[in-house]
Amino acid sequence: MRKILVGITGASGVIYGVRLLEELKSLDVEVHLVLSNNAKNILVYETSRSPVDIESLAHSVYSNNDLSAPPSSGSYSIDAMVVVPCSLKTLSAIANGYCDTLISRAAVCCLKEKKKLILVVRETPLDLSTIENMRKAYLNGAVILPASPGFYHKPESIDDLVTFIVGKIMDQLGLHHSLYKTWGT
């Protein structure tokens, strides 16, 4: 069974994280979750879901303030980590090795242990410091996957756009899905 850590931060677009959790729950994947405090606020603001509802989609849930939780160690056994959405603050912390939260600490552990780390940055336009932070994280081994949906699958709803990005995340995780039609099909 694959074991994936999902970090949801306080950027707009928490629906990407929620939808990913729903998809992972439907597969043979052990999901561990960290919700930042701001993510909990954004979740209530942008969706009709509560933090408790979202936490029920995971096998284990950790507090973002608990730097003694298992994901804060490089010896914590996971296959991959996804930060979705990844706030610019969290991106900066990861890119610069500033481990002040469980999400940033776990992400840095993934990088140092050469485990897959996917950062779903949701911001536009981008300033130079953000581009440089993306560059630093990429050069250190992270996958930068902006929440920038394609349109070749002919989306008909916002959910189709969200699902496309979740499908792209699943592709990076090496998980089979049928969330969108690939180019030319």
Protein backbone atom coordinates (compact mmCIF):
# COMPACT_ATOMS: atom_id res chain seq x y z
CA MET A 1 0.00 0.00 0.00
CA ARG A 2 1.33 3.45 -0.96
CA LYS A 3 1.62 5.98 1.84
CA ILE A 4 1.17 9.64 0.91
CA LEU A 5 1.32 12.73 3.08
CA VAL A 6 -0.94 15.59 2.01
CA GLY A 7 -0.39 19.10 3.32
CA ILE A 8 -3.13 21.65 2.72
CA THR A 9 -2.08 25.26 3.28
CA GLY A 10 -3.97 28.54 3.45
CA ALA A 11 -3.82 29.49 -0.22
CA SER A 12 -7.03 29.87 -2.16
CA GLY A 13 -7.90 26.63 -3.91
CA VAL A 14 -8.30 24.20 -1.01
CA ILE A 15 -10.76 22.35 -3.25
CA TYR A 16 -7.72 20.85 -5.03
CA GLY A 17 -6.59 19.29 -1.76
CA VAL A 18 -10.09 18.09 -0.88
CA ARG A 19 -10.59 16.51 -4.28
CA LEU A 20 -7.17 14.82 -4.09
CA LEU A 21 -8.06 13.35 -0.69
CA GLU A 22 -11.32 12.00 -2.13
CA GLU A 23 -9.50 10.35 -5.02
CA LEU A 24 -6.77 8.88 -2.83
CA LYS A 25 -9.38 7.48 -0.44
CA SER A 26 -10.96 5.58 -3.35
CA LEU A 27 -7.62 3.88 -4.09
CA ASP A 28 -5.40 1.56 -2.09
CA VAL A 29 -3.46 4.49 -0.61
CA GLU A 30 -2.74 5.24 3.03
CA VAL A 31 -3.28 8.98 3.38
CA HIS A 32 -1.78 11.14 6.11
CA LEU A 33 -2.91 14.75 6.41
CA VAL A 34 -1.73 18.07 7.78
CA LEU A 35 -4.06 21.08 7.55
CA SER A 36 -2.60 24.48 8.33
CA ASN A 37 -4.70 26.80 10.50
CA ASN A 38 -5.23 29.11 7.55
CA ALA A 39 -6.30 26.15 5.42
CA LYS A 40 -9.04 25.40 7.93
CA ASN A 41 -10.30 28.98 7.61
CA ILE A 42 -10.12 28.97 3.81
CA LEU A 43 -11.84 25.56 3.70
CA VAL A 44 -14.87 26.94 5.53
CA TYR A 45 -14.83 30.12 3.42
CA GLU A 46 -14.43 28.49 -0.04
CA THR A 47 -16.37 25.24 0.40
CA SER A 48 -19.27 23.85 2.37
CA ARG A 49 -16.94 21.37 4.09
CA SER A 50 -15.64 21.45 7.65
CA PRO A 51 -12.10 20.55 8.75
CA VAL A 52 -13.50 17.52 10.61
CA ASP A 53 -15.19 16.35 7.39
CA ILE A 54 -11.92 16.65 5.46
CA GLU A 55 -9.88 15.00 8.21
CA SER A 56 -12.18 11.96 7.95
CA LEU A 57 -10.73 11.31 4.48
CA ALA A 58 -7.31 10.52 5.96
CA HIS A 59 -5.93 7.57 7.89
CA SER A 60 -3.94 9.87 10.19
CA VAL A 61 -4.11 13.60 10.86
CA TYR A 62 -1.37 15.74 12.40
CA SER A 63 -1.35 19.29 13.74
CA ASN A 64 0.73 21.69 11.66
CA ASN A 65 2.11 23.08 14.93
CA ASP A 66 3.37 19.69 16.16
CA LEU A 67 7.00 19.52 15.13
CA SER A 68 7.37 16.31 17.12
CA ALA A 69 4.80 14.46 14.95
CA PRO A 70 6.13 11.52 12.91
CA PRO A 71 6.30 13.39 9.54
CA SER A 72 8.88 15.79 11.02
CA SER A 73 11.55 13.09 10.77
CA GLY A 74 13.39 11.91 7.70
CA SER A 75 12.94 8.38 9.02
CA TYR A 76 9.15 8.71 8.67
CA SER A 77 8.19 6.18 6.03
CA ILE A 78 6.18 7.75 3.21
CA ASP A 79 6.30 7.33 -0.55
CA ALA A 80 5.49 10.94 -1.44
CA MET A 81 4.17 14.26 -0.20
CA VAL A 82 1.83 16.70 -1.91
CA VAL A 83 1.31 20.28 -0.72
CA VAL A 84 -1.98 21.32 -2.32
CA PRO A 85 -2.54 24.18 -2.51
CA CYS A 86 0.91 25.42 -1.62
CA SER A 87 0.84 28.96 -0.29
CA LEU A 88 3.67 31.30 -1.20
CA LYS A 89 4.69 31.39 2.46
CA THR A 90 5.00 27.59 2.53
CA LEU A 91 6.82 27.58 -0.82
CA SER A 92 9.32 30.10 0.56
CA ALA A 93 9.80 28.08 3.75
CA ILE A 94 10.43 24.87 1.79
CA ALA A 95 12.71 26.53 -0.78
CA ASN A 96 14.81 28.10 1.96
CA GLY A 97 14.81 25.24 4.47
CA TYR A 98 12.85 27.19 7.08
CA CYS A 99 11.06 24.45 9.01
CA ASP A 100 8.72 26.37 11.30
CA THR A 101 5.64 24.17 10.63
CA LEU A 102 5.05 20.46 10.21
CA ILE A 103 4.21 20.93 6.53
CA SER A 104 7.46 22.77 5.77
CA ARG A 105 9.52 20.39 7.94
CA ALA A 106 8.01 17.27 6.34
CA ALA A 107 8.56 18.73 2.87
CA VAL A 108 12.21 19.50 3.61
CA CYS A 109 12.58 15.93 4.95
CA CYS A 110 11.19 14.62 1.65
CA LEU A 111 13.76 16.64 -0.26
CA LYS A 112 16.70 15.53 1.88
CA GLU A 113 15.57 11.90 1.69
CA LYS A 114 15.01 12.13 -2.10
CA LYS A 115 11.30 11.32 -1.81
CA LYS A 116 8.74 12.74 -4.24
CA LEU A 117 7.51 16.19 -3.21
CA ILE A 118 4.81 17.89 -5.29
CA LEU A 119 4.08 21.58 -4.69
CA VAL A 120 0.79 22.76 -6.21
CA VAL A 121 1.35 26.50 -6.23
CA ARG A 122 -1.84 28.49 -6.73
CA GLU A 123 -1.02 32.11 -7.37
CA THR A 124 -0.96 34.53 -10.28
CA PRO A 125 0.74 36.66 -11.40
CA LEU A 126 4.13 35.64 -10.07
CA ASP A 127 6.74 38.01 -8.68
CA LEU A 128 10.46 37.37 -9.01
CA SER A 129 10.91 36.10 -5.42
CA THR A 130 8.19 33.47 -6.02
CA ILE A 131 9.80 32.40 -9.28
CA GLU A 132 13.17 32.16 -7.52
CA ASN A 133 11.62 30.12 -4.69
CA MET A 134 10.05 27.78 -7.25
CA ARG A 135 13.46 27.48 -8.91
CA LYS A 136 15.18 26.70 -5.60
CA ALA A 137 12.59 24.06 -4.67
CA TYR A 138 12.80 22.53 -8.15
CA LEU A 139 16.59 22.39 -8.09
CA ASN A 140 16.37 20.69 -4.70
CA GLY A 141 14.12 17.98 -6.16
CA ALA A 142 10.53 19.22 -5.80
CA VAL A 143 7.98 18.94 -8.59
CA ILE A 144 6.41 22.36 -9.20
CA LEU A 145 2.87 21.75 -10.41
CA PRO A 146 1.02 25.06 -10.72
CA ALA A 147 -2.76 24.87 -10.45
CA SER A 148 -3.03 25.80 -14.10
CA PRO A 149 -5.61 23.56 -15.81
CA GLY A 150 -5.53 22.64 -19.47
CA PHE A 151 -8.53 22.88 -21.74
CA TYR A 152 -7.87 20.16 -24.33
CA HIS A 153 -10.15 17.81 -22.40
CA LYS A 154 -13.02 20.27 -23.02
CA PRO A 155 -14.07 21.00 -19.43
CA GLU A 156 -17.72 21.81 -18.86
CA SER A 157 -17.58 22.80 -15.18
CA ILE A 158 -15.33 24.11 -12.46
CA ASP A 159 -15.17 20.55 -11.12
CA ASP A 160 -13.73 19.44 -14.48
CA LEU A 161 -10.94 22.02 -14.08
CA VAL A 162 -10.25 20.93 -10.49
CA THR A 163 -10.30 17.28 -11.49
CA PHE A 164 -7.78 17.96 -14.28
CA ILE A 165 -5.23 19.29 -11.76
CA VAL A 166 -5.90 16.37 -9.40
CA GLY A 167 -5.31 14.04 -12.36
CA LYS A 168 -1.98 15.74 -13.01
CA ILE A 169 -1.03 15.22 -9.35
CA MET A 170 -2.03 11.56 -9.61
CA ASP A 171 0.14 11.26 -12.74
CA GLN A 172 3.13 12.55 -10.77
CA LEU A 173 2.37 10.07 -7.99
CA GLY A 174 2.28 7.23 -10.52
CA LEU A 175 -1.35 6.43 -9.68
CA HIS A 176 -3.71 5.18 -12.38
CA HIS A 177 -6.83 7.28 -12.90
CA SER A 178 -9.40 8.29 -15.48
CA LEU A 179 -9.95 11.85 -14.27
CA TYR A 180 -9.40 13.48 -17.66
CA LYS A 181 -8.83 12.47 -21.25
CA THR A 182 -5.22 12.69 -22.32
CA TRP A 183 -4.20 14.67 -25.37
CA GLY A 184 -5.41 13.10 -28.61
CA THR A 185 -7.90 10.68 -27.04
